[in-house]
Amino acid sequence: MIIINIDVMLAKRKMSVTELSERVGITMANLSILKNGKAKAIRLSTLEGICKALDCQPGDILEYRSDDETE
């Protein structure tokens, strides 16, 4: 399972979801889908934009957890 930690990075950077969506150029709806873990995929260009806006690495946003850890 892949966990998306956008909320964590937003809090660390003291940035709103609205500001992030404007900086990255994605809709609030699509950002919400990512934040809530409902996305099936993410474009590398979107991931790059998020990392640039939040001044972080992809590993700061994406986390892998085995099925054993999530139960």
C-alpha atoms as a PDB file:
ATOM      1  CA  MET A   1       0.000   0.000   0.000  1.00  0.00           C
ATOM      2  CA  ILE A   2       1.263   3.472  -0.884  1.00  0.00           C
ATOM      3  CA  ILE A   3       0.506   6.229   1.629  1.00  0.00           C
ATOM      4  CA  ILE A   4       0.506   9.842   0.423  1.00  0.00           C
ATOM      5  CA  ASN A   5       1.685  12.272   3.083  1.00  0.00           C
ATOM      6  CA  ILE A   6       0.780  15.579   1.472  1.00  0.00           C
ATOM      7  CA  ASP A   7      -0.965  16.751   4.670  1.00  0.00           C
ATOM      8  CA  VAL A   8       2.221  16.207   6.667  1.00  0.00           C
ATOM      9  CA  MET A   9       4.311  18.247   4.237  1.00  0.00           C
ATOM     10  CA  LEU A  10       1.674  20.988   4.018  1.00  0.00           C
ATOM     11  CA  ALA A  11       1.750  21.326   7.804  1.00  0.00           C
ATOM     12  CA  LYS A  12       5.572  21.385   7.884  1.00  0.00           C
ATOM     13  CA  ARG A  13       5.634  24.102   5.213  1.00  0.00           C
ATOM     14  CA  LYS A  14       2.664  25.986   6.711  1.00  0.00           C
ATOM     15  CA  MET A  15       0.983  25.980   3.314  1.00  0.00           C
ATOM     16  CA  SER A  16      -2.724  25.659   2.520  1.00  0.00           C
ATOM     17  CA  VAL A  17      -4.202  23.136   0.121  1.00  0.00           C
ATOM     18  CA  THR A  18      -5.446  26.057  -1.973  1.00  0.00           C
ATOM     19  CA  GLU A  19      -1.956  27.535  -2.254  1.00  0.00           C
ATOM     20  CA  LEU A  20      -0.479  24.162  -3.205  1.00  0.00           C
ATOM     21  CA  SER A  21      -3.105  23.554  -5.891  1.00  0.00           C
ATOM     22  CA  GLU A  22      -2.407  26.998  -7.386  1.00  0.00           C
ATOM     23  CA  ARG A  23       1.382  26.499  -7.343  1.00  0.00           C
ATOM     24  CA  VAL A  24       1.192  23.023  -8.884  1.00  0.00           C
ATOM     25  CA  GLY A  25      -1.592  23.831 -11.327  1.00  0.00           C
ATOM     26  CA  ILE A  26      -3.965  21.033 -10.351  1.00  0.00           C
ATOM     27  CA  THR A  27      -7.554  21.335  -9.233  1.00  0.00           C
ATOM     28  CA  MET A  28      -8.580  21.196  -5.599  1.00  0.00           C
ATOM     29  CA  ALA A  29     -10.634  18.088  -6.443  1.00  0.00           C
ATOM     30  CA  ASN A  30      -7.603  16.232  -7.843  1.00  0.00           C
ATOM     31  CA  LEU A  31      -5.439  17.322  -4.922  1.00  0.00           C
ATOM     32  CA  SER A  32      -8.124  16.082  -2.542  1.00  0.00           C
ATOM     33  CA  ILE A  33      -8.145  12.691  -4.304  1.00  0.00           C
ATOM     34  CA  LEU A  34      -4.373  12.484  -3.823  1.00  0.00           C
ATOM     35  CA  LYS A  35      -4.511  13.590  -0.187  1.00  0.00           C
ATOM     36  CA  ASN A  36      -7.217  11.089   0.696  1.00  0.00           C
ATOM     37  CA  GLY A  37      -5.380   8.165  -0.867  1.00  0.00           C
ATOM     38  CA  LYS A  38      -8.091   7.589  -3.488  1.00  0.00           C
ATOM     39  CA  ALA A  39      -5.784   8.110  -6.495  1.00  0.00           C
ATOM     40  CA  LYS A  40      -4.873   5.110  -8.609  1.00  0.00           C
ATOM     41  CA  ALA A  41      -1.928   6.915 -10.220  1.00  0.00           C
ATOM     42  CA  ILE A  42       0.022  10.165 -10.150  1.00  0.00           C
ATOM     43  CA  ARG A  43       1.794  11.763 -13.069  1.00  0.00           C
ATOM     44  CA  LEU A  44       5.479  12.312 -12.567  1.00  0.00           C
ATOM     45  CA  SER A  45       5.015  15.926 -13.658  1.00  0.00           C
ATOM     46  CA  THR A  46       2.430  16.384 -10.877  1.00  0.00           C
ATOM     47  CA  LEU A  47       4.732  14.753  -8.337  1.00  0.00           C
ATOM     48  CA  GLU A  48       7.556  16.997  -9.530  1.00  0.00           C
ATOM     49  CA  GLY A  49       5.347  20.079  -9.151  1.00  0.00           C
ATOM     50  CA  ILE A  50       4.310  19.077  -5.636  1.00  0.00           C
ATOM     51  CA  CYS A  51       7.932  18.444  -4.647  1.00  0.00           C
ATOM     52  CA  LYS A  52       8.991  21.791  -6.103  1.00  0.00           C
ATOM     53  CA  ALA A  53       6.183  23.686  -4.349  1.00  0.00           C
ATOM     54  CA  LEU A  54       6.829  21.969  -1.008  1.00  0.00           C
ATOM     55  CA  ASP A  55      10.637  21.927  -1.381  1.00  0.00           C
ATOM     56  CA  CYS A  56      10.822  18.211  -0.646  1.00  0.00           C
ATOM     57  CA  GLN A  57      11.732  14.844  -2.127  1.00  0.00           C
ATOM     58  CA  PRO A  58       9.229  12.285  -3.495  1.00  0.00           C
ATOM     59  CA  GLY A  59      10.040  10.053  -0.509  1.00  0.00           C
ATOM     60  CA  ASP A  60       8.769  12.793   1.803  1.00  0.00           C
ATOM     61  CA  ILE A  61       5.344  12.472   0.166  1.00  0.00           C
ATOM     62  CA  LEU A  62       5.128   8.800  -0.811  1.00  0.00           C
ATOM     63  CA  GLU A  63       5.472   5.991   1.723  1.00  0.00           C
ATOM     64  CA  TYR A  64       5.184   2.239   1.198  1.00  0.00           C
ATOM     65  CA  ARG A  65       3.586   0.049   3.851  1.00  0.00           C
ATOM     66  CA  SER A  66       3.219  -3.695   3.482  1.00  0.00           C
ATOM     67  CA  ASP A  67      -0.211  -5.217   3.991  1.00  0.00           C
ATOM     68  CA  ASP A  68       1.040  -6.635   7.312  1.00  0.00           C
ATOM     69  CA  GLU A  69       1.676  -3.123   8.657  1.00  0.00           C
ATOM     70  CA  THR A  70      -1.755  -1.779   7.744  1.00  0.00           C
ATOM     71  CA  GLU A  71      -3.782  -4.478   9.524  1.00  0.00           C
END
